[in-house]
Amino acid sequence: MKAFLISIMPVALWVIAAINLLLTASLFVLWRRRRFHPALWMGLVAFGLFYDALILALGTVMQESGLFRILSLMRYVLHCGLIPLLFPICAEALGFKKIGMRIVWIVTAVMIAVGLAAGFVTQLEPKTVGTVLRYASADTTPAWSSGIQNGLSYGPIVVLIACGIIAWVKRKRPGLFLSGFFMFAFSALGPATGNFDLIFFISMFGEVLMAFFFWLYGKNRKGANA
């Protein structure tokens, strides 16, 4: 299985990037047409997933360079800066009122600021899997930065799953739960199968499903203007 994943990786990365771009554009269109603000927030998260996939796909054709290092650093910056947007997405799905949403946005803004700081101080080192070059976080990355990145990688997803269950039960909207569930499941699949060096690749299939169920949730959202 590992050899198969490595063999398809160069092509799969470009396909995943293209799908993520399509889903990102679809979410922005949904926001513009229906004025459904969570679609904008979802679109920004999806854009982060697209950028991540694009830079990894570029690793099939680019060599080690300062430019590629900077482009790769922005993967971490965007991830840490955009993933907190899952909190207002959850709050809106649960029907938070004006005061509640303001509190959530304040917490989100603080987490975005902390996440951006953690992303910018990430130290990178080149790694190659098969024919794909990527810049990954090095052991020299400050411990506080790694801790925040790990927390942002799983914490908001767990919240998304929990809120998604509530939204599914109360409002018959399974999209948020499914987006969080598949993201979490594929992130855990790499370690569970012992493919630690392929975690970044295996989790990308979960990212595609997350963006897809975001779009499906927004498309079928009751109350969104046609």
C-alpha atoms as a PDB file:
ATOM      1  CA  MET A   1       0.000   0.000   0.000  1.00  0.00           C
ATOM      2  CA  LYS A   2       2.800   2.436   0.863  1.00  0.00           C
ATOM      3  CA  ALA A   3       4.533   1.876  -2.462  1.00  0.00           C
ATOM      4  CA  PHE A   4       1.232   2.428  -4.264  1.00  0.00           C
ATOM      5  CA  LEU A   5       0.559   5.711  -2.436  1.00  0.00           C
ATOM      6  CA  ILE A   6       4.054   6.968  -3.239  1.00  0.00           C
ATOM      7  CA  SER A   7       3.632   6.033  -6.894  1.00  0.00           C
ATOM      8  CA  ILE A   8       0.366   7.974  -7.306  1.00  0.00           C
ATOM      9  CA  MET A   9       1.407  10.915  -5.157  1.00  0.00           C
ATOM     10  CA  PRO A  10       2.827  13.224  -7.884  1.00  0.00           C
ATOM     11  CA  VAL A  11      -0.365  13.101  -9.955  1.00  0.00           C
ATOM     12  CA  ALA A  12      -2.722  12.901  -6.980  1.00  0.00           C
ATOM     13  CA  LEU A  13      -1.324  16.111  -5.470  1.00  0.00           C
ATOM     14  CA  TRP A  14      -2.210  18.095  -8.604  1.00  0.00           C
ATOM     15  CA  VAL A  15      -5.664  16.503  -8.777  1.00  0.00           C
ATOM     16  CA  ILE A  16      -6.331  17.296  -5.117  1.00  0.00           C
ATOM     17  CA  ALA A  17      -5.162  20.889  -5.609  1.00  0.00           C
ATOM     18  CA  ALA A  18      -7.494  21.284  -8.606  1.00  0.00           C
ATOM     19  CA  ILE A  19     -10.484  19.859  -6.712  1.00  0.00           C
ATOM     20  CA  ASN A  20      -9.788  22.090  -3.719  1.00  0.00           C
ATOM     21  CA  LEU A  21      -9.597  25.119  -6.001  1.00  0.00           C
ATOM     22  CA  LEU A  22     -12.950  24.224  -7.551  1.00  0.00           C
ATOM     23  CA  LEU A  23     -14.570  23.775  -4.132  1.00  0.00           C
ATOM     24  CA  THR A  24     -13.053  27.024  -2.882  1.00  0.00           C
ATOM     25  CA  ALA A  25     -14.441  28.926  -5.868  1.00  0.00           C
ATOM     26  CA  SER A  26     -17.826  27.221  -5.415  1.00  0.00           C
ATOM     27  CA  LEU A  27     -17.996  28.348  -1.778  1.00  0.00           C
ATOM     28  CA  PHE A  28     -17.157  31.951  -2.716  1.00  0.00           C
ATOM     29  CA  VAL A  29     -19.827  31.861  -5.438  1.00  0.00           C
ATOM     30  CA  LEU A  30     -22.292  30.479  -2.912  1.00  0.00           C
ATOM     31  CA  TRP A  31     -21.496  33.342  -0.574  1.00  0.00           C
ATOM     32  CA  ARG A  32     -21.912  35.977  -3.289  1.00  0.00           C
ATOM     33  CA  ARG A  33     -25.179  34.560  -4.630  1.00  0.00           C
ATOM     34  CA  ARG A  34     -26.910  33.708  -1.363  1.00  0.00           C
ATOM     35  CA  ARG A  35     -25.236  36.164   1.000  1.00  0.00           C
ATOM     36  CA  PHE A  36     -24.649  33.224   3.316  1.00  0.00           C
ATOM     37  CA  HIS A  37     -21.691  34.506   5.345  1.00  0.00           C
ATOM     38  CA  PRO A  38     -20.522  31.116   6.691  1.00  0.00           C
ATOM     39  CA  ALA A  39     -19.867  30.146   3.060  1.00  0.00           C
ATOM     40  CA  LEU A  40     -17.244  32.923   3.001  1.00  0.00           C
ATOM     41  CA  TRP A  41     -15.599  31.599   6.157  1.00  0.00           C
ATOM     42  CA  MET A  42     -15.710  28.065   4.766  1.00  0.00           C
ATOM     43  CA  GLY A  43     -14.277  29.348   1.490  1.00  0.00           C
ATOM     44  CA  LEU A  44     -11.326  30.887   3.310  1.00  0.00           C
ATOM     45  CA  VAL A  45     -10.632  27.617   5.120  1.00  0.00           C
ATOM     46  CA  ALA A  46     -10.923  25.786   1.789  1.00  0.00           C
ATOM     47  CA  PHE A  47      -8.499  28.269   0.232  1.00  0.00           C
ATOM     48  CA  GLY A  48      -5.974  27.350   2.905  1.00  0.00           C
ATOM     49  CA  LEU A  49      -6.439  23.687   1.992  1.00  0.00           C
ATOM     50  CA  PHE A  50      -6.000  24.532  -1.696  1.00  0.00           C
ATOM     51  CA  TYR A  51      -2.812  26.467  -1.054  1.00  0.00           C
ATOM     52  CA  ASP A  52      -1.438  23.612   1.026  1.00  0.00           C
ATOM     53  CA  ALA A  53      -2.125  21.136  -1.785  1.00  0.00           C
ATOM     54  CA  LEU A  54      -0.730  23.495  -4.444  1.00  0.00           C
ATOM     55  CA  ILE A  55       2.599  23.976  -2.671  1.00  0.00           C
ATOM     56  CA  LEU A  56       2.946  20.250  -2.089  1.00  0.00           C
ATOM     57  CA  ALA A  57       2.129  19.658  -5.754  1.00  0.00           C
ATOM     58  CA  LEU A  58       4.842  22.146  -6.733  1.00  0.00           C
ATOM     59  CA  GLY A  59       7.218  19.880  -4.855  1.00  0.00           C
ATOM     60  CA  THR A  60       7.000  17.539  -7.832  1.00  0.00           C
ATOM     61  CA  VAL A  61       8.664  20.108 -10.111  1.00  0.00           C
ATOM     62  CA  MET A  62      10.564  22.565  -7.883  1.00  0.00           C
ATOM     63  CA  GLN A  63      13.985  22.195  -6.338  1.00  0.00           C
ATOM     64  CA  GLU A  64      15.278  23.411  -2.980  1.00  0.00           C
ATOM     65  CA  SER A  65      15.387  27.207  -3.011  1.00  0.00           C
ATOM     66  CA  GLY A  66      14.694  30.246  -0.911  1.00  0.00           C
ATOM     67  CA  LEU A  67      11.520  30.940  -2.867  1.00  0.00           C
ATOM     68  CA  PHE A  68      10.162  27.450  -2.327  1.00  0.00           C
ATOM     69  CA  ARG A  69      10.989  27.721   1.381  1.00  0.00           C
ATOM     70  CA  ILE A  70       9.015  30.975   1.680  1.00  0.00           C
ATOM     71  CA  LEU A  71       6.067  29.542  -0.245  1.00  0.00           C
ATOM     72  CA  SER A  72       6.159  26.509   2.029  1.00  0.00           C
ATOM     73  CA  LEU A  73       6.288  28.642   5.178  1.00  0.00           C
ATOM     74  CA  MET A  74       3.017  30.246   4.086  1.00  0.00           C
ATOM     75  CA  ARG A  75       1.421  26.773   4.270  1.00  0.00           C
ATOM     76  CA  TYR A  76       1.899  26.873   8.026  1.00  0.00           C
ATOM     77  CA  VAL A  77       0.925  30.527   8.341  1.00  0.00           C
ATOM     78  CA  LEU A  78      -2.344  30.053   6.441  1.00  0.00           C
ATOM     79  CA  HIS A  79      -3.174  26.839   8.269  1.00  0.00           C
ATOM     80  CA  CYS A  80      -2.734  28.423  11.695  1.00  0.00           C
ATOM     81  CA  GLY A  81      -4.398  31.656  10.629  1.00  0.00           C
ATOM     82  CA  LEU A  82      -7.477  30.237   8.911  1.00  0.00           C
ATOM     83  CA  ILE A  83      -8.395  27.091  10.854  1.00  0.00           C
ATOM     84  CA  PRO A  84      -9.822  29.126  13.812  1.00  0.00           C
ATOM     85  CA  LEU A  85     -12.609  30.227  11.430  1.00  0.00           C
ATOM     86  CA  LEU A  86     -14.187  26.854  12.211  1.00  0.00           C
ATOM     87  CA  PHE A  87     -15.381  28.362  15.499  1.00  0.00           C
ATOM     88  CA  PRO A  88     -17.727  31.024  14.039  1.00  0.00           C
ATOM     89  CA  ILE A  89     -18.864  28.425  11.488  1.00  0.00           C
ATOM     90  CA  CYS A  90     -19.885  26.180  14.380  1.00  0.00           C
ATOM     91  CA  ALA A  91     -21.437  29.051  16.315  1.00  0.00           C
ATOM     92  CA  GLU A  92     -23.627  30.053  13.376  1.00  0.00           C
ATOM     93  CA  ALA A  93     -24.701  26.453  12.826  1.00  0.00           C
ATOM     94  CA  LEU A  94     -25.800  26.222  16.460  1.00  0.00           C
ATOM     95  CA  GLY A  95     -27.811  29.415  16.171  1.00  0.00           C
ATOM     96  CA  PHE A  96     -25.722  31.702  18.366  1.00  0.00           C
ATOM     97  CA  LYS A  97     -27.254  35.145  18.732  1.00  0.00           C
ATOM     98  CA  LYS A  98     -25.533  38.512  18.313  1.00  0.00           C
ATOM     99  CA  ILE A  99     -23.757  38.648  21.691  1.00  0.00           C
ATOM    100  CA  GLY A 100     -22.693  35.016  21.468  1.00  0.00           C
ATOM    101  CA  MET A 101     -21.288  35.515  17.977  1.00  0.00           C
ATOM    102  CA  ARG A 102     -19.334  38.565  19.130  1.00  0.00           C
ATOM    103  CA  ILE A 103     -17.711  36.561  21.903  1.00  0.00           C
ATOM    104  CA  VAL A 104     -16.865  33.774  19.474  1.00  0.00           C
ATOM    105  CA  TRP A 105     -15.331  36.260  17.045  1.00  0.00           C
ATOM    106  CA  ILE A 106     -13.193  37.794  19.797  1.00  0.00           C
ATOM    107  CA  VAL A 107     -11.884  34.354  20.761  1.00  0.00           C
ATOM    108  CA  THR A 108     -11.356  33.543  17.083  1.00  0.00           C
ATOM    109  CA  ALA A 109      -9.418  36.771  16.482  1.00  0.00           C
ATOM    110  CA  VAL A 110      -7.102  35.998  19.410  1.00  0.00           C
ATOM    111  CA  MET A 111      -6.531  32.467  18.137  1.00  0.00           C
ATOM    112  CA  ILE A 112      -5.838  33.738  14.622  1.00  0.00           C
ATOM    113  CA  ALA A 113      -3.224  36.168  15.970  1.00  0.00           C
ATOM    114  CA  VAL A 114      -1.558  33.458  18.052  1.00  0.00           C
ATOM    115  CA  GLY A 115      -1.741  31.034  15.144  1.00  0.00           C
ATOM    116  CA  LEU A 116      -0.133  33.481  12.732  1.00  0.00           C
ATOM    117  CA  ALA A 117       2.720  34.052  15.174  1.00  0.00           C
ATOM    118  CA  ALA A 118       3.210  30.287  15.529  1.00  0.00           C
ATOM    119  CA  GLY A 119       3.190  29.854  11.778  1.00  0.00           C
ATOM    120  CA  PHE A 120       5.735  32.567  11.042  1.00  0.00           C
ATOM    121  CA  VAL A 121       8.331  31.253  13.501  1.00  0.00           C
ATOM    122  CA  THR A 122       8.197  27.708  12.096  1.00  0.00           C
ATOM    123  CA  GLN A 123      11.633  26.425  11.120  1.00  0.00           C
ATOM    124  CA  LEU A 124      11.654  24.340   7.951  1.00  0.00           C
ATOM    125  CA  GLU A 125      13.821  21.582   6.565  1.00  0.00           C
ATOM    126  CA  PRO A 126      13.611  19.868   3.156  1.00  0.00           C
ATOM    127  CA  LYS A 127      12.273  16.323   3.041  1.00  0.00           C
ATOM    128  CA  THR A 128      11.676  14.057   0.085  1.00  0.00           C
ATOM    129  CA  VAL A 129       9.135  11.255  -0.196  1.00  0.00           C
ATOM    130  CA  GLY A 130       9.339   9.424  -3.510  1.00  0.00           C
ATOM    131  CA  THR A 131       9.813  12.194  -6.062  1.00  0.00           C
ATOM    132  CA  VAL A 132       8.042  14.870  -4.015  1.00  0.00           C
ATOM    133  CA  LEU A 133      10.065  17.538  -2.243  1.00  0.00           C
ATOM    134  CA  ARG A 134       8.495  19.461   0.609  1.00  0.00           C
ATOM    135  CA  TYR A 135       9.610  21.731   3.408  1.00  0.00           C
ATOM    136  CA  ALA A 136       8.453  20.327   6.740  1.00  0.00           C
ATOM    137  CA  SER A 137       8.654  21.655  10.270  1.00  0.00           C
ATOM    138  CA  ALA A 138      12.107  21.009  11.737  1.00  0.00           C
ATOM    139  CA  ASP A 139      13.076  19.998  15.269  1.00  0.00           C
ATOM    140  CA  THR A 140      14.409  23.536  15.746  1.00  0.00           C
ATOM    141  CA  THR A 141      10.886  24.969  15.599  1.00  0.00           C
ATOM    142  CA  PRO A 142      10.109  26.515  19.017  1.00  0.00           C
ATOM    143  CA  ALA A 143       8.180  24.161  21.282  1.00  0.00           C
ATOM    144  CA  TRP A 144       5.418  26.711  21.846  1.00  0.00           C
ATOM    145  CA  SER A 145       4.911  27.027  18.106  1.00  0.00           C
ATOM    146  CA  SER A 146       4.707  23.267  17.602  1.00  0.00           C
ATOM    147  CA  GLY A 147       2.287  22.998  20.504  1.00  0.00           C
ATOM    148  CA  ILE A 148      -0.017  25.662  19.089  1.00  0.00           C
ATOM    149  CA  GLN A 149       0.117  24.114  15.622  1.00  0.00           C
ATOM    150  CA  ASN A 150      -0.755  20.679  16.998  1.00  0.00           C
ATOM    151  CA  GLY A 151      -3.569  22.161  19.051  1.00  0.00           C
ATOM    152  CA  LEU A 152      -4.981  23.990  16.038  1.00  0.00           C
ATOM    153  CA  SER A 153      -4.694  20.867  13.908  1.00  0.00           C
ATOM    154  CA  TYR A 154      -6.987  18.831  16.127  1.00  0.00           C
ATOM    155  CA  GLY A 155      -8.807  21.088  18.608  1.00  0.00           C
ATOM    156  CA  PRO A 156     -11.028  22.983  16.128  1.00  0.00           C
ATOM    157  CA  ILE A 157     -11.764  19.726  14.270  1.00  0.00           C
ATOM    158  CA  VAL A 158     -12.991  18.077  17.477  1.00  0.00           C
ATOM    159  CA  VAL A 159     -15.187  21.115  18.143  1.00  0.00           C
ATOM    160  CA  LEU A 160     -16.472  20.930  14.558  1.00  0.00           C
ATOM    161  CA  ILE A 161     -17.398  17.274  14.990  1.00  0.00           C
ATOM    162  CA  ALA A 162     -19.170  17.905  18.303  1.00  0.00           C
ATOM    163  CA  CYS A 163     -21.093  20.922  16.974  1.00  0.00           C
ATOM    164  CA  GLY A 164     -21.785  19.011  13.781  1.00  0.00           C
ATOM    165  CA  ILE A 165     -23.477  16.249  15.767  1.00  0.00           C
ATOM    166  CA  ILE A 166     -25.675  18.802  17.523  1.00  0.00           C
ATOM    167  CA  ALA A 167     -26.562  20.526  14.251  1.00  0.00           C
ATOM    168  CA  TRP A 168     -27.353  17.140  12.713  1.00  0.00           C
ATOM    169  CA  VAL A 169     -29.633  16.073  15.561  1.00  0.00           C
ATOM    170  CA  LYS A 170     -31.380  19.411  16.076  1.00  0.00           C
ATOM    171  CA  ARG A 171     -31.459  20.811  12.561  1.00  0.00           C
ATOM    172  CA  LYS A 172     -31.015  17.745  10.344  1.00  0.00           C
ATOM    173  CA  ARG A 173     -27.797  19.131   8.843  1.00  0.00           C
ATOM    174  CA  PRO A 174     -25.089  16.423   8.737  1.00  0.00           C
ATOM    175  CA  GLY A 175     -22.649  18.389   6.565  1.00  0.00           C
ATOM    176  CA  LEU A 176     -20.562  19.918   9.344  1.00  0.00           C
ATOM    177  CA  PHE A 177     -20.232  16.623  11.179  1.00  0.00           C
ATOM    178  CA  LEU A 178     -19.160  14.799   8.030  1.00  0.00           C
ATOM    179  CA  SER A 179     -16.621  17.502   7.148  1.00  0.00           C
ATOM    180  CA  GLY A 180     -14.999  17.239  10.562  1.00  0.00           C
ATOM    181  CA  PHE A 181     -15.282  13.463  10.775  1.00  0.00           C
ATOM    182  CA  PHE A 182     -13.516  12.757   7.488  1.00  0.00           C
ATOM    183  CA  MET A 183     -10.829  15.338   8.210  1.00  0.00           C
ATOM    184  CA  PHE A 184     -10.122  13.726  11.575  1.00  0.00           C
ATOM    185  CA  ALA A 185     -10.366  10.164  10.238  1.00  0.00           C
ATOM    186  CA  PHE A 186      -7.858  10.669   7.421  1.00  0.00           C
ATOM    187  CA  SER A 187      -5.495  12.597   9.703  1.00  0.00           C
ATOM    188  CA  ALA A 188      -5.472   9.598  12.034  1.00  0.00           C
ATOM    189  CA  LEU A 189      -5.218   7.029   9.241  1.00  0.00           C
ATOM    190  CA  GLY A 190      -1.524   7.652   8.595  1.00  0.00           C
ATOM    191  CA  PRO A 191      -0.376   6.984  12.165  1.00  0.00           C
ATOM    192  CA  ALA A 192      -2.850   4.112  12.525  1.00  0.00           C
ATOM    193  CA  THR A 193      -1.319   2.320   9.528  1.00  0.00           C
ATOM    194  CA  GLY A 194       2.258   3.132  10.484  1.00  0.00           C
ATOM    195  CA  ASN A 195       2.793   5.433   7.489  1.00  0.00           C
ATOM    196  CA  PHE A 196       4.112   8.350   9.490  1.00  0.00           C
ATOM    197  CA  ASP A 197       6.041   9.815   6.557  1.00  0.00           C
ATOM    198  CA  LEU A 198       2.828   9.846   4.495  1.00  0.00           C
ATOM    199  CA  ILE A 199       0.582  11.541   7.057  1.00  0.00           C
ATOM    200  CA  PHE A 200       0.681  14.791   5.084  1.00  0.00           C
ATOM    201  CA  PHE A 201      -0.495  13.002   1.923  1.00  0.00           C
ATOM    202  CA  ILE A 202      -3.146  10.706   3.411  1.00  0.00           C
ATOM    203  CA  SER A 203      -4.707  13.568   5.375  1.00  0.00           C
ATOM    204  CA  MET A 204      -5.177  15.524   2.135  1.00  0.00           C
ATOM    205  CA  PHE A 205      -7.991  13.192   1.091  1.00  0.00           C
ATOM    206  CA  GLY A 206      -9.760  14.224   4.276  1.00  0.00           C
ATOM    207  CA  GLU A 207      -9.174  17.875   3.380  1.00  0.00           C
ATOM    208  CA  VAL A 208     -10.936  17.388   0.049  1.00  0.00           C
ATOM    209  CA  LEU A 209     -13.905  15.778   1.797  1.00  0.00           C
ATOM    210  CA  MET A 210     -13.989  18.567   4.369  1.00  0.00           C
ATOM    211  CA  ALA A 211     -14.242  21.211   1.641  1.00  0.00           C
ATOM    212  CA  PHE A 212     -16.822  19.154  -0.242  1.00  0.00           C
ATOM    213  CA  PHE A 213     -19.127  18.767   2.765  1.00  0.00           C
ATOM    214  CA  PHE A 214     -18.680  22.459   3.546  1.00  0.00           C
ATOM    215  CA  TRP A 215     -19.990  23.211   0.079  1.00  0.00           C
ATOM    216  CA  LEU A 216     -22.814  20.686   0.411  1.00  0.00           C
ATOM    217  CA  TYR A 217     -23.794  22.138   3.783  1.00  0.00           C
ATOM    218  CA  GLY A 218     -23.898  25.671   2.391  1.00  0.00           C
ATOM    219  CA  LYS A 219     -25.763  24.598  -0.747  1.00  0.00           C
ATOM    220  CA  ASN A 220     -28.484  22.837   1.222  1.00  0.00           C
ATOM    221  CA  ARG A 221     -28.552  25.312   4.097  1.00  0.00           C
ATOM    222  CA  LYS A 222     -32.124  26.169   4.959  1.00  0.00           C
ATOM    223  CA  GLY A 223     -32.721  29.871   5.120  1.00  0.00           C
ATOM    224  CA  ALA A 224     -30.033  30.754   2.561  1.00  0.00           C
ATOM    225  CA  ASN A 225     -31.439  32.995  -0.124  1.00  0.00           C
ATOM    226  CA  ALA A 226     -31.667  31.414  -3.579  1.00  0.00           C
END
